[in-house]
PDB file of N, CA and C in Angstrom:
ATOM      1  N   GLN A   1    -196.545 146.560 -51.229  1.00  0.00           N
ATOM      2  CA  GLN A   1    -197.195 146.674 -50.648  1.00  0.00           C
ATOM      3  C   GLN A   1    -196.981 148.841 -49.719  1.00  0.00           C
ATOM      4  N   VAL A   2    -197.943 148.993 -48.981  1.00  0.00           N
ATOM      5  CA  VAL A   2    -198.288 150.341 -48.653  1.00  0.00           C
ATOM      6  C   VAL A   2    -198.934 149.585 -46.965  1.00  0.00           C
ATOM      7  N   GLN A   3    -197.908 150.239 -45.906  1.00  0.00           N
ATOM      8  CA  GLN A   3    -198.456 150.332 -44.192  1.00  0.00           C
ATOM      9  C   GLN A   3    -199.052 151.969 -44.563  1.00  0.00           C
ATOM     10  N   LEU A   4    -199.827 151.474 -43.298  1.00  0.00           N
ATOM     11  CA  LEU A   4    -200.472 152.878 -42.226  1.00  0.00           C
ATOM     12  C   LEU A   4    -200.064 152.575 -40.818  1.00  0.00           C
ATOM     13  N   VAL A   5    -199.066 153.491 -40.321  1.00  0.00           N
ATOM     14  CA  VAL A   5    -198.699 153.267 -38.708  1.00  0.00           C
ATOM     15  C   VAL A   5    -199.614 154.856 -38.191  1.00  0.00           C
ATOM     16  N   GLU A   6    -200.603 154.597 -37.531  1.00  0.00           N
ATOM     17  CA  GLU A   6    -201.205 155.419 -36.541  1.00  0.00           C
ATOM     18  C   GLU A   6    -200.154 154.855 -34.903  1.00  0.00           C
ATOM     19  N   SER A   7    -200.348 156.317 -34.712  1.00  0.00           N
ATOM     20  CA  SER A   7    -200.407 156.513 -33.129  1.00  0.00           C
ATOM     21  C   SER A   7    -200.866 158.000 -32.473  1.00  0.00           C
ATOM     22  N   GLY A   8    -200.387 157.723 -31.361  1.00  0.00           N
ATOM     23  CA  GLY A   8    -200.792 158.951 -29.870  1.00  0.00           C
ATOM     24  C   GLY A   8    -202.077 158.696 -29.525  1.00  0.00           C
ATOM     25  N   GLY A   9    -202.481 157.687 -29.473  1.00  0.00           N
ATOM     26  CA  GLY A   9    -204.049 157.196 -28.579  1.00  0.00           C
ATOM     27  C   GLY A   9    -203.253 156.602 -27.781  1.00  0.00           C
ATOM     28  N   GLY A  10    -204.811 157.153 -26.276  1.00  0.00           N
ATOM     29  CA  GLY A  10    -204.030 156.760 -24.795  1.00  0.00           C
ATOM     30  C   GLY A  10    -204.970 157.202 -23.665  1.00  0.00           C
ATOM     31  N   LEU A  11    -204.951 157.319 -22.815  1.00  0.00           N
ATOM     32  CA  LEU A  11    -206.369 157.710 -21.954  1.00  0.00           C
ATOM     33  C   LEU A  11    -205.434 158.855 -21.312  1.00  0.00           C
ATOM     34  N   VAL A  12    -206.598 159.687 -21.537  1.00  0.00           N
ATOM     35  CA  VAL A  12    -207.559 160.980 -21.107  1.00  0.00           C
ATOM     36  C   VAL A  12    -208.647 161.685 -20.380  1.00  0.00           C
ATOM     37  N   GLN A  13    -208.900 162.044 -19.659  1.00  0.00           N
ATOM     38  CA  GLN A  13    -209.982 162.841 -19.126  1.00  0.00           C
ATOM     39  C   GLN A  13    -210.552 163.503 -19.836  1.00  0.00           C
ATOM     40  N   ALA A  14    -211.776 163.685 -19.602  1.00  0.00           N
ATOM     41  CA  ALA A  14    -212.963 164.282 -20.080  1.00  0.00           C
ATOM     42  C   ALA A  14    -212.635 165.545 -20.622  1.00  0.00           C
ATOM     43  N   GLY A  15    -212.677 166.360 -21.144  1.00  0.00           N
ATOM     44  CA  GLY A  15    -212.343 167.885 -21.641  1.00  0.00           C
ATOM     45  C   GLY A  15    -210.868 167.937 -21.896  1.00  0.00           C
ATOM     46  N   GLY A  16    -210.266 166.729 -21.878  1.00  0.00           N
ATOM     47  CA  GLY A  16    -208.681 166.730 -22.340  1.00  0.00           C
ATOM     48  C   GLY A  16    -209.025 166.709 -24.078  1.00  0.00           C
ATOM     49  N   SER A  17    -207.443 167.194 -24.281  1.00  0.00           N
ATOM     50  CA  SER A  17    -206.388 166.873 -25.355  1.00  0.00           C
ATOM     51  C   SER A  17    -205.541 165.838 -26.249  1.00  0.00           C
ATOM     52  N   LEU A  18    -205.731 165.255 -26.941  1.00  0.00           N
ATOM     53  CA  LEU A  18    -205.444 164.273 -27.932  1.00  0.00           C
ATOM     54  C   LEU A  18    -204.804 164.733 -29.379  1.00  0.00           C
ATOM     55  N   ARG A  19    -203.618 163.993 -29.606  1.00  0.00           N
ATOM     56  CA  ARG A  19    -203.426 163.792 -30.483  1.00  0.00           C
ATOM     57  C   ARG A  19    -202.782 162.619 -32.011  1.00  0.00           C
ATOM     58  N   LEU A  20    -203.375 162.859 -32.575  1.00  0.00           N
ATOM     59  CA  LEU A  20    -203.236 161.083 -33.670  1.00  0.00           C
ATOM     60  C   LEU A  20    -202.274 161.056 -34.956  1.00  0.00           C
ATOM     61  N   SER A  21    -201.413 160.401 -35.241  1.00  0.00           N
ATOM     62  CA  SER A  21    -200.647 160.614 -35.569  1.00  0.00           C
ATOM     63  C   SER A  21    -200.963 159.633 -36.986  1.00  0.00           C
ATOM     64  N   CYS A  22    -200.551 159.680 -38.205  1.00  0.00           N
ATOM     65  CA  CYS A  22    -200.771 158.290 -39.142  1.00  0.00           C
ATOM     66  C   CYS A  22    -199.988 158.186 -40.386  1.00  0.00           C
ATOM     67  N   THR A  23    -198.713 157.800 -40.802  1.00  0.00           N
ATOM     68  CA  THR A  23    -198.193 157.887 -41.379  1.00  0.00           C
ATOM     69  C   THR A  23    -197.919 156.310 -42.809  1.00  0.00           C
ATOM     70  N   ALA A  24    -198.181 156.946 -43.792  1.00  0.00           N
ATOM     71  CA  ALA A  24    -198.115 156.124 -44.793  1.00  0.00           C
ATOM     72  C   ALA A  24    -196.446 155.706 -45.095  1.00  0.00           C
ATOM     73  N   SER A  25    -196.595 154.688 -45.233  1.00  0.00           N
ATOM     74  CA  SER A  25    -194.541 154.224 -46.294  1.00  0.00           C
ATOM     75  C   SER A  25    -195.276 153.425 -47.482  1.00  0.00           C
ATOM     76  N   GLY A  26    -194.058 152.779 -48.016  1.00  0.00           N
ATOM     77  CA  GLY A  26    -194.284 151.752 -48.870  1.00  0.00           C
ATOM     78  C   GLY A  26    -193.735 152.115 -50.398  1.00  0.00           C
ATOM     79  N   SER A  27    -194.024 151.546 -50.868  1.00  0.00           N
ATOM     80  CA  SER A  27    -194.401 152.006 -52.265  1.00  0.00           C
ATOM     81  C   SER A  27    -195.534 152.570 -52.900  1.00  0.00           C
ATOM     82  N   ILE A  28    -194.925 153.981 -52.987  1.00  0.00           N
ATOM     83  CA  ILE A  28    -196.335 155.300 -52.742  1.00  0.00           C
ATOM     84  C   ILE A  28    -196.155 156.241 -54.035  1.00  0.00           C
ATOM     85  N   VAL A  29    -196.857 156.258 -55.027  1.00  0.00           N
ATOM     86  CA  VAL A  29    -196.451 157.122 -56.025  1.00  0.00           C
ATOM     87  C   VAL A  29    -197.188 159.097 -55.813  1.00  0.00           C
ATOM     88  N   THR A  30    -198.769 157.949 -55.262  1.00  0.00           N
ATOM     89  CA  THR A  30    -199.284 159.725 -54.552  1.00  0.00           C
ATOM     90  C   THR A  30    -200.483 159.307 -53.797  1.00  0.00           C
ATOM     91  N   ILE A  31    -200.632 159.873 -52.972  1.00  0.00           N
ATOM     92  CA  ILE A  31    -202.012 159.475 -52.126  1.00  0.00           C
ATOM     93  C   ILE A  31    -203.190 160.341 -52.348  1.00  0.00           C
ATOM     94  N   ASN A  32    -203.951 160.000 -52.104  1.00  0.00           N
ATOM     95  CA  ASN A  32    -205.332 161.072 -52.443  1.00  0.00           C
ATOM     96  C   ASN A  32    -206.345 161.064 -51.493  1.00  0.00           C
ATOM     97  N   ASN A  33    -207.056 160.837 -50.542  1.00  0.00           N
ATOM     98  CA  ASN A  33    -207.877 161.112 -49.459  1.00  0.00           C
ATOM     99  C   ASN A  33    -207.375 160.354 -48.205  1.00  0.00           C
ATOM    100  N   MET A  34    -207.662 160.763 -47.032  1.00  0.00           N
ATOM    101  CA  MET A  34    -206.889 160.201 -46.060  1.00  0.00           C
ATOM    102  C   MET A  34    -207.506 160.453 -45.272  1.00  0.00           C
ATOM    103  N   GLY A  35    -208.153 159.330 -44.175  1.00  0.00           N
ATOM    104  CA  GLY A  35    -208.599 159.636 -43.306  1.00  0.00           C
ATOM    105  C   GLY A  35    -208.963 159.198 -42.069  1.00  0.00           C
ATOM    106  N   TRP A  36    -209.453 159.924 -40.903  1.00  0.00           N
ATOM    107  CA  TRP A  36    -209.729 158.692 -39.726  1.00  0.00           C
ATOM    108  C   TRP A  36    -211.107 157.954 -39.508  1.00  0.00           C
ATOM    109  N   HIS A  37    -211.229 157.108 -39.199  1.00  0.00           N
ATOM    110  CA  HIS A  37    -212.555 156.443 -38.274  1.00  0.00           C
ATOM    111  C   HIS A  37    -212.482 156.270 -37.244  1.00  0.00           C
ATOM    112  N   ARG A  38    -213.565 155.609 -36.860  1.00  0.00           N
ATOM    113  CA  ARG A  38    -213.588 155.074 -35.275  1.00  0.00           C
ATOM    114  C   ARG A  38    -214.572 154.291 -35.307  1.00  0.00           C
ATOM    115  N   GLN A  39    -214.484 152.756 -34.132  1.00  0.00           N
ATOM    116  CA  GLN A  39    -215.561 151.932 -34.209  1.00  0.00           C
ATOM    117  C   GLN A  39    -215.171 152.013 -31.946  1.00  0.00           C
ATOM    118  N   ALA A  40    -216.446 152.172 -31.667  1.00  0.00           N
ATOM    119  CA  ALA A  40    -216.610 152.207 -30.203  1.00  0.00           C
ATOM    120  C   ALA A  40    -216.921 150.917 -29.783  1.00  0.00           C
ATOM    121  N   PRO A  41    -216.826 149.606 -28.596  1.00  0.00           N
ATOM    122  CA  PRO A  41    -216.917 148.605 -28.258  1.00  0.00           C
ATOM    123  C   PRO A  41    -218.967 148.294 -28.969  1.00  0.00           C
ATOM    124  N   GLY A  42    -218.789 147.334 -29.705  1.00  0.00           N
ATOM    125  CA  GLY A  42    -220.190 147.778 -29.874  1.00  0.00           C
ATOM    126  C   GLY A  42    -221.528 148.045 -30.775  1.00  0.00           C
ATOM    127  N   LYS A  43    -219.941 148.848 -31.530  1.00  0.00           N
ATOM    128  CA  LYS A  43    -221.033 149.799 -32.529  1.00  0.00           C
ATOM    129  C   LYS A  43    -220.292 149.633 -33.719  1.00  0.00           C
ATOM    130  N   GLN A  44    -220.892 150.275 -35.200  1.00  0.00           N
ATOM    131  CA  GLN A  44    -219.966 149.769 -36.365  1.00  0.00           C
ATOM    132  C   GLN A  44    -218.879 151.037 -36.317  1.00  0.00           C
ATOM    133  N   ARG A  45    -218.055 150.732 -37.288  1.00  0.00           N
ATOM    134  CA  ARG A  45    -217.281 151.602 -37.610  1.00  0.00           C
ATOM    135  C   ARG A  45    -217.479 152.616 -38.380  1.00  0.00           C
ATOM    136  N   GLU A  46    -217.285 153.967 -37.858  1.00  0.00           N
ATOM    137  CA  GLU A  46    -217.572 155.998 -38.323  1.00  0.00           C
ATOM    138  C   GLU A  46    -216.929 156.312 -38.758  1.00  0.00           C
ATOM    139  N   LEU A  47    -217.138 157.069 -39.627  1.00  0.00           N
ATOM    140  CA  LEU A  47    -216.289 158.023 -40.437  1.00  0.00           C
ATOM    141  C   LEU A  47    -216.135 159.447 -39.089  1.00  0.00           C
ATOM    142  N   VAL A  48    -214.508 159.822 -39.034  1.00  0.00           N
ATOM    143  CA  VAL A  48    -214.689 161.022 -38.131  1.00  0.00           C
ATOM    144  C   VAL A  48    -214.024 162.720 -38.597  1.00  0.00           C
ATOM    145  N   ALA A  49    -213.266 161.969 -39.620  1.00  0.00           N
ATOM    146  CA  ALA A  49    -212.829 162.988 -40.677  1.00  0.00           C
ATOM    147  C   ALA A  49    -212.258 162.585 -42.046  1.00  0.00           C
ATOM    148  N   HIS A  50    -211.607 163.432 -42.912  1.00  0.00           N
ATOM    149  CA  HIS A  50    -211.207 163.235 -43.479  1.00  0.00           C
ATOM    150  C   HIS A  50    -210.720 164.509 -44.331  1.00  0.00           C
ATOM    151  N   ILE A  51    -209.165 163.982 -45.645  1.00  0.00           N
ATOM    152  CA  ILE A  51    -208.527 165.450 -45.898  1.00  0.00           C
ATOM    153  C   ILE A  51    -208.574 164.205 -46.939  1.00  0.00           C
ATOM    154  N   SER A  52    -208.305 165.773 -48.391  1.00  0.00           N
ATOM    155  CA  SER A  52    -208.416 165.472 -49.541  1.00  0.00           C
ATOM    156  C   SER A  52    -206.469 165.611 -49.331  1.00  0.00           C
ATOM    157  N   PRO A  53    -206.073 166.154 -50.647  1.00  0.00           N
ATOM    158  CA  PRO A  53    -204.626 166.471 -51.255  1.00  0.00           C
ATOM    159  C   PRO A  53    -204.651 167.430 -51.248  1.00  0.00           C
ATOM    160  N   GLU A  54    -205.894 168.358 -51.338  1.00  0.00           N
ATOM    161  CA  GLU A  54    -205.758 169.825 -51.115  1.00  0.00           C
ATOM    162  C   GLU A  54    -205.880 170.290 -50.158  1.00  0.00           C
ATOM    163  N   GLU A  55    -206.285 169.327 -48.925  1.00  0.00           N
ATOM    164  CA  GLU A  55    -207.037 169.622 -47.598  1.00  0.00           C
ATOM    165  C   GLU A  55    -208.148 170.372 -47.146  1.00  0.00           C
ATOM    166  N   ASN A  56    -209.035 170.063 -48.410  1.00  0.00           N
ATOM    167  CA  ASN A  56    -210.347 170.000 -48.126  1.00  0.00           C
ATOM    168  C   ASN A  56    -210.977 169.036 -46.874  1.00  0.00           C
ATOM    169  N   THR A  57    -211.525 169.336 -46.395  1.00  0.00           N
ATOM    170  CA  THR A  57    -211.709 168.677 -45.043  1.00  0.00           C
ATOM    171  C   THR A  57    -213.082 168.427 -44.690  1.00  0.00           C
ATOM    172  N   ASN A  58    -213.118 167.257 -43.851  1.00  0.00           N
ATOM    173  CA  ASN A  58    -215.000 166.658 -44.072  1.00  0.00           C
ATOM    174  C   ASN A  58    -215.052 166.080 -42.475  1.00  0.00           C
ATOM    175  N   TYR A  59    -216.429 166.267 -42.014  1.00  0.00           N
ATOM    176  CA  TYR A  59    -216.253 166.294 -40.083  1.00  0.00           C
ATOM    177  C   TYR A  59    -217.254 165.433 -40.251  1.00  0.00           C
ATOM    178  N   ALA A  60    -217.362 164.342 -38.957  1.00  0.00           N
ATOM    179  CA  ALA A  60    -218.959 164.082 -38.543  1.00  0.00           C
ATOM    180  C   ALA A  60    -219.333 164.933 -37.922  1.00  0.00           C
ATOM    181  N   ASP A  61    -220.900 164.769 -37.797  1.00  0.00           N
ATOM    182  CA  ASP A  61    -221.280 165.733 -36.674  1.00  0.00           C
ATOM    183  C   ASP A  61    -221.238 166.214 -36.041  1.00  0.00           C
ATOM    184  N   SER A  62    -220.440 164.916 -35.046  1.00  0.00           N
ATOM    185  CA  SER A  62    -220.314 164.306 -33.443  1.00  0.00           C
ATOM    186  C   SER A  62    -218.960 165.009 -32.880  1.00  0.00           C
ATOM    187  N   VAL A  63    -218.479 165.640 -33.902  1.00  0.00           N
ATOM    188  CA  VAL A  63    -216.913 166.247 -33.313  1.00  0.00           C
ATOM    189  C   VAL A  63    -216.499 168.028 -34.173  1.00  0.00           C
ATOM    190  N   LYS A  64    -217.137 167.824 -35.016  1.00  0.00           N
ATOM    191  CA  LYS A  64    -217.455 169.454 -35.381  1.00  0.00           C
ATOM    192  C   LYS A  64    -216.929 170.247 -34.745  1.00  0.00           C
ATOM    193  N   GLY A  65    -216.325 171.476 -34.656  1.00  0.00           N
ATOM    194  CA  GLY A  65    -215.603 172.163 -33.729  1.00  0.00           C
ATOM    195  C   GLY A  65    -214.638 171.525 -32.945  1.00  0.00           C
ATOM    196  N   ARG A  66    -214.668 170.498 -32.394  1.00  0.00           N
ATOM    197  CA  ARG A  66    -213.857 169.742 -31.770  1.00  0.00           C
ATOM    198  C   ARG A  66    -212.271 168.903 -31.887  1.00  0.00           C
ATOM    199  N   PHE A  67    -212.738 168.397 -33.018  1.00  0.00           N
ATOM    200  CA  PHE A  67    -211.094 167.260 -33.621  1.00  0.00           C
ATOM    201  C   PHE A  67    -211.086 168.749 -34.627  1.00  0.00           C
ATOM    202  N   THR A  68    -209.980 168.846 -35.456  1.00  0.00           N
ATOM    203  CA  THR A  68    -209.181 169.151 -36.542  1.00  0.00           C
ATOM    204  C   THR A  68    -207.950 168.195 -37.277  1.00  0.00           C
ATOM    205  N   ILE A  69    -208.651 167.469 -38.615  1.00  0.00           N
ATOM    206  CA  ILE A  69    -207.870 166.434 -39.631  1.00  0.00           C
ATOM    207  C   ILE A  69    -206.924 167.440 -39.809  1.00  0.00           C
ATOM    208  N   SER A  70    -205.831 167.050 -40.252  1.00  0.00           N
ATOM    209  CA  SER A  70    -204.318 168.024 -41.278  1.00  0.00           C
ATOM    210  C   SER A  70    -203.017 166.700 -41.813  1.00  0.00           C
ATOM    211  N   ARG A  71    -202.561 167.587 -42.429  1.00  0.00           N
ATOM    212  CA  ARG A  71    -201.655 166.622 -43.440  1.00  0.00           C
ATOM    213  C   ARG A  71    -200.742 167.040 -43.439  1.00  0.00           C
ATOM    214  N   ASP A  72    -199.801 166.518 -44.038  1.00  0.00           N
ATOM    215  CA  ASP A  72    -198.515 166.678 -44.300  1.00  0.00           C
ATOM    216  C   ASP A  72    -197.776 166.007 -45.451  1.00  0.00           C
ATOM    217  N   ASN A  73    -198.592 166.477 -46.489  1.00  0.00           N
ATOM    218  CA  ASN A  73    -198.303 165.401 -47.891  1.00  0.00           C
ATOM    219  C   ASN A  73    -196.823 165.156 -48.017  1.00  0.00           C
ATOM    220  N   ALA A  74    -195.538 166.240 -47.896  1.00  0.00           N
ATOM    221  CA  ALA A  74    -194.136 165.797 -47.953  1.00  0.00           C
ATOM    222  C   ALA A  74    -194.082 164.386 -46.481  1.00  0.00           C
ATOM    223  N   LYS A  75    -194.685 164.435 -45.529  1.00  0.00           N
ATOM    224  CA  LYS A  75    -193.985 163.129 -44.728  1.00  0.00           C
ATOM    225  C   LYS A  75    -195.171 162.512 -44.749  1.00  0.00           C
ATOM    226  N   ASN A  76    -196.261 162.425 -45.912  1.00  0.00           N
ATOM    227  CA  ASN A  76    -197.051 160.547 -46.162  1.00  0.00           C
ATOM    228  C   ASN A  76    -198.020 161.627 -44.309  1.00  0.00           C
ATOM    229  N   THR A  77    -198.707 161.792 -44.063  1.00  0.00           N
ATOM    230  CA  THR A  77    -198.626 161.905 -42.300  1.00  0.00           C
ATOM    231  C   THR A  77    -200.349 162.968 -42.441  1.00  0.00           C
ATOM    232  N   ILE A  78    -200.800 161.793 -41.968  1.00  0.00           N
ATOM    233  CA  ILE A  78    -201.883 163.006 -41.464  1.00  0.00           C
ATOM    234  C   ILE A  78    -202.109 162.958 -40.018  1.00  0.00           C
ATOM    235  N   TYR A  79    -203.143 164.297 -39.381  1.00  0.00           N
ATOM    236  CA  TYR A  79    -202.946 164.308 -38.229  1.00  0.00           C
ATOM    237  C   TYR A  79    -204.385 164.120 -37.449  1.00  0.00           C
ATOM    238  N   LEU A  80    -204.670 164.111 -36.176  1.00  0.00           N
ATOM    239  CA  LEU A  80    -206.077 164.587 -35.766  1.00  0.00           C
ATOM    240  C   LEU A  80    -206.262 164.843 -34.213  1.00  0.00           C
ATOM    241  N   GLN A  81    -206.239 166.619 -34.139  1.00  0.00           N
ATOM    242  CA  GLN A  81    -205.661 166.652 -33.063  1.00  0.00           C
ATOM    243  C   GLN A  81    -207.318 166.843 -32.182  1.00  0.00           C
ATOM    244  N   MET A  82    -207.615 166.508 -31.331  1.00  0.00           N
ATOM    245  CA  MET A  82    -208.874 165.961 -30.532  1.00  0.00           C
ATOM    246  C   MET A  82    -208.691 166.842 -29.171  1.00  0.00           C
ATOM    247  N   THR A  83    -209.901 167.846 -28.713  1.00  0.00           N
ATOM    248  CA  THR A  83    -209.835 168.382 -27.929  1.00  0.00           C
ATOM    249  C   THR A  83    -211.405 168.462 -27.508  1.00  0.00           C
ATOM    250  N   SER A  84    -211.372 168.996 -26.539  1.00  0.00           N
ATOM    251  CA  SER A  84    -212.714 168.984 -25.557  1.00  0.00           C
ATOM    252  C   SER A  84    -213.174 167.086 -25.681  1.00  0.00           C
ATOM    253  N   LEU A  85    -212.536 166.352 -25.060  1.00  0.00           N
ATOM    254  CA  LEU A  85    -212.742 164.892 -25.600  1.00  0.00           C
ATOM    255  C   LEU A  85    -214.077 164.914 -24.475  1.00  0.00           C
ATOM    256  N   LYS A  86    -214.802 163.888 -24.800  1.00  0.00           N
ATOM    257  CA  LYS A  86    -215.706 163.381 -23.797  1.00  0.00           C
ATOM    258  C   LYS A  86    -215.644 161.757 -23.952  1.00  0.00           C
ATOM    259  N   PRO A  87    -216.363 160.793 -23.483  1.00  0.00           N
ATOM    260  CA  PRO A  87    -216.722 159.400 -23.003  1.00  0.00           C
ATOM    261  C   PRO A  87    -217.072 158.940 -24.220  1.00  0.00           C
ATOM    262  N   GLU A  88    -218.073 159.500 -24.902  1.00  0.00           N
ATOM    263  CA  GLU A  88    -218.099 159.636 -26.043  1.00  0.00           C
ATOM    264  C   GLU A  88    -217.817 159.225 -27.704  1.00  0.00           C
ATOM    265  N   ASP A  89    -216.072 159.365 -27.036  1.00  0.00           N
ATOM    266  CA  ASP A  89    -214.929 159.686 -27.652  1.00  0.00           C
ATOM    267  C   ASP A  89    -214.082 158.482 -27.739  1.00  0.00           C
ATOM    268  N   THR A  90    -214.547 157.643 -26.874  1.00  0.00           N
ATOM    269  CA  THR A  90    -213.694 156.254 -26.423  1.00  0.00           C
ATOM    270  C   THR A  90    -214.045 155.589 -27.717  1.00  0.00           C
ATOM    271  N   ALA A  91    -212.843 154.520 -28.102  1.00  0.00           N
ATOM    272  CA  ALA A  91    -212.868 154.166 -29.559  1.00  0.00           C
ATOM    273  C   ALA A  91    -211.452 153.884 -30.112  1.00  0.00           C
ATOM    274  N   VAL A  92    -211.508 152.748 -30.938  1.00  0.00           N
ATOM    275  CA  VAL A  92    -209.803 152.681 -31.818  1.00  0.00           C
ATOM    276  C   VAL A  92    -210.682 153.547 -32.691  1.00  0.00           C
ATOM    277  N   TYR A  93    -209.188 154.130 -32.957  1.00  0.00           N
ATOM    278  CA  TYR A  93    -209.537 155.162 -34.330  1.00  0.00           C
ATOM    279  C   TYR A  93    -208.407 154.621 -35.222  1.00  0.00           C
ATOM    280  N   TYR A  94    -208.837 154.650 -36.487  1.00  0.00           N
ATOM    281  CA  TYR A  94    -208.303 153.937 -37.611  1.00  0.00           C
ATOM    282  C   TYR A  94    -208.099 154.836 -38.501  1.00  0.00           C
ATOM    283  N   CYS A  95    -206.444 155.228 -39.019  1.00  0.00           N
ATOM    284  CA  CYS A  95    -206.553 155.834 -40.403  1.00  0.00           C
ATOM    285  C   CYS A  95    -206.750 155.062 -42.281  1.00  0.00           C
ATOM    286  N   ASP A  96    -207.032 156.080 -43.355  1.00  0.00           N
ATOM    287  CA  ASP A  96    -207.256 154.681 -44.301  1.00  0.00           C
ATOM    288  C   ASP A  96    -206.771 155.969 -45.346  1.00  0.00           C
ATOM    289  N   ALA A  97    -205.763 155.797 -46.478  1.00  0.00           N
ATOM    290  CA  ALA A  97    -205.688 156.524 -47.385  1.00  0.00           C
ATOM    291  C   ALA A  97    -206.536 155.646 -48.439  1.00  0.00           C
ATOM    292  N   LEU A  98    -205.984 156.569 -49.612  1.00  0.00           N
ATOM    293  CA  LEU A  98    -206.438 156.267 -50.980  1.00  0.00           C
ATOM    294  C   LEU A  98    -204.746 156.179 -51.642  1.00  0.00           C
ATOM    295  N   VAL A  99    -204.601 155.272 -52.232  1.00  0.00           N
ATOM    296  CA  VAL A  99    -203.332 155.374 -52.498  1.00  0.00           C
ATOM    297  C   VAL A  99    -203.092 154.645 -53.871  1.00  0.00           C
ATOM    298  N   VAL A 100    -202.083 155.812 -54.974  1.00  0.00           N
ATOM    299  CA  VAL A 100    -201.542 154.809 -56.031  1.00  0.00           C
ATOM    300  C   VAL A 100    -200.326 154.362 -56.059  1.00  0.00           C
ATOM    301  N   THR A 101    -200.309 153.251 -56.306  1.00  0.00           N
ATOM    302  CA  THR A 101    -199.036 152.611 -56.417  1.00  0.00           C
ATOM    303  C   THR A 101    -198.519 152.910 -58.052  1.00  0.00           C
ATOM    304  N   LYS A 102    -197.837 151.641 -57.808  1.00  0.00           N
ATOM    305  CA  LYS A 102    -197.160 151.350 -59.486  1.00  0.00           C
ATOM    306  C   LYS A 102    -198.380 150.379 -60.328  1.00  0.00           C
ATOM    307  N   GLU A 103    -198.777 149.405 -59.451  1.00  0.00           N
ATOM    308  CA  GLU A 103    -199.260 148.555 -59.753  1.00  0.00           C
ATOM    309  C   GLU A 103    -200.971 148.722 -59.433  1.00  0.00           C
ATOM    310  N   ALA A 104    -201.172 149.561 -58.500  1.00  0.00           N
ATOM    311  CA  ALA A 104    -202.926 149.432 -58.402  1.00  0.00           C
ATOM    312  C   ALA A 104    -203.344 150.762 -57.630  1.00  0.00           C
ATOM    313  N   TYR A 105    -204.842 150.812 -57.496  1.00  0.00           N
ATOM    314  CA  TYR A 105    -205.070 152.332 -57.083  1.00  0.00           C
ATOM    315  C   TYR A 105    -205.759 151.821 -55.397  1.00  0.00           C
ATOM    316  N   VAL A 106    -204.844 151.579 -54.080  1.00  0.00           N
ATOM    317  CA  VAL A 106    -205.818 150.997 -53.568  1.00  0.00           C
ATOM    318  C   VAL A 106    -206.667 151.391 -52.183  1.00  0.00           C
ATOM    319  N   GLU A 107    -206.860 150.893 -51.415  1.00  0.00           N
ATOM    320  CA  GLU A 107    -207.310 151.479 -49.946  1.00  0.00           C
ATOM    321  C   GLU A 107    -206.529 150.816 -48.806  1.00  0.00           C
ATOM    322  N   VAL A 108    -205.855 151.608 -48.197  1.00  0.00           N
ATOM    323  CA  VAL A 108    -205.125 151.146 -47.037  1.00  0.00           C
ATOM    324  C   VAL A 108    -205.581 151.382 -45.736  1.00  0.00           C
ATOM    325  N   TRP A 109    -205.817 150.360 -45.045  1.00  0.00           N
ATOM    326  CA  TRP A 109    -206.104 150.485 -43.343  1.00  0.00           C
ATOM    327  C   TRP A 109    -205.550 150.589 -42.127  1.00  0.00           C
ATOM    328  N   GLY A 110    -204.805 151.379 -41.525  1.00  0.00           N
ATOM    329  CA  GLY A 110    -203.813 151.673 -40.396  1.00  0.00           C
ATOM    330  C   GLY A 110    -204.232 150.127 -39.306  1.00  0.00           C
ATOM    331  N   GLN A 111    -203.332 149.887 -38.607  1.00  0.00           N
ATOM    332  CA  GLN A 111    -204.117 149.066 -37.067  1.00  0.00           C
ATOM    333  C   GLN A 111    -204.780 149.481 -36.319  1.00  0.00           C
ATOM    334  N   GLY A 112    -204.615 150.597 -36.218  1.00  0.00           N
ATOM    335  CA  GLY A 112    -205.602 151.100 -34.808  1.00  0.00           C
ATOM    336  C   GLY A 112    -205.249 152.141 -33.736  1.00  0.00           C
ATOM    337  N   THR A 113    -205.615 152.759 -33.436  1.00  0.00           N
ATOM    338  CA  THR A 113    -205.285 153.124 -32.279  1.00  0.00           C
ATOM    339  C   THR A 113    -205.925 153.529 -31.019  1.00  0.00           C
ATOM    340  N   LEU A 114    -205.828 153.265 -29.769  1.00  0.00           N
ATOM    341  CA  LEU A 114    -206.837 153.347 -28.614  1.00  0.00           C
ATOM    342  C   LEU A 114    -207.019 154.363 -28.237  1.00  0.00           C
ATOM    343  N   VAL A 115    -208.308 154.898 -28.181  1.00  0.00           N
ATOM    344  CA  VAL A 115    -208.498 156.464 -27.316  1.00  0.00           C
ATOM    345  C   VAL A 115    -209.394 156.225 -26.615  1.00  0.00           C
ATOM    346  N   THR A 116    -208.777 156.104 -25.117  1.00  0.00           N
ATOM    347  CA  THR A 116    -210.062 156.197 -23.342  1.00  0.00           C
ATOM    348  C   THR A 116    -209.984 157.163 -23.352  1.00  0.00           C
ATOM    349  N   VAL A 117    -211.871 157.738 -22.775  1.00  0.00           N
ATOM    350  CA  VAL A 117    -211.928 159.092 -22.746  1.00  0.00           C
ATOM    351  C   VAL A 117    -212.283 158.658 -20.863  1.00  0.00           C
ATOM    352  N   SER A 118    -212.114 158.880 -20.417  1.00  0.00           N
ATOM    353  CA  SER A 118    -213.219 158.792 -18.854  1.00  0.00           C
ATOM    354  C   SER A 118    -213.976 160.153 -17.785  1.00  0.00           C
ATOM    355  N   SER A 119    -214.488 160.111 -17.742  1.00  0.00           N
ATOM    356  CA  SER A 119    -215.332 160.650 -17.422  1.00  0.00           C
ATOM    357  C   SER A 119    -214.981 161.002 -15.506  1.00  0.00           C
TER     358      SER A 119
END
């Protein structure tokens, strides 16, 4: 069993910053790509950013230049530093990871953390 636990969400004013964290735990052999996604009310879940084990990154156009994804492989953790937040960034943010266990190669999702940006 592998679990992802996110933290760091909350309420912030437009223009403010937040940092999200996501830590994987359990029967992990290695972790491949990890990423952040978000789902706003009434909208589909969308990719925000992802990062490879070699720390190659990719971002949605809507967050480029404002959000930074990073990872600490020793801690099985990724971070999402969010700056210049806008009301349209309001969403539940989920992390996911492609994990190799002794039995399988699985995609695991966290439970989500709510980010609310007030205008």
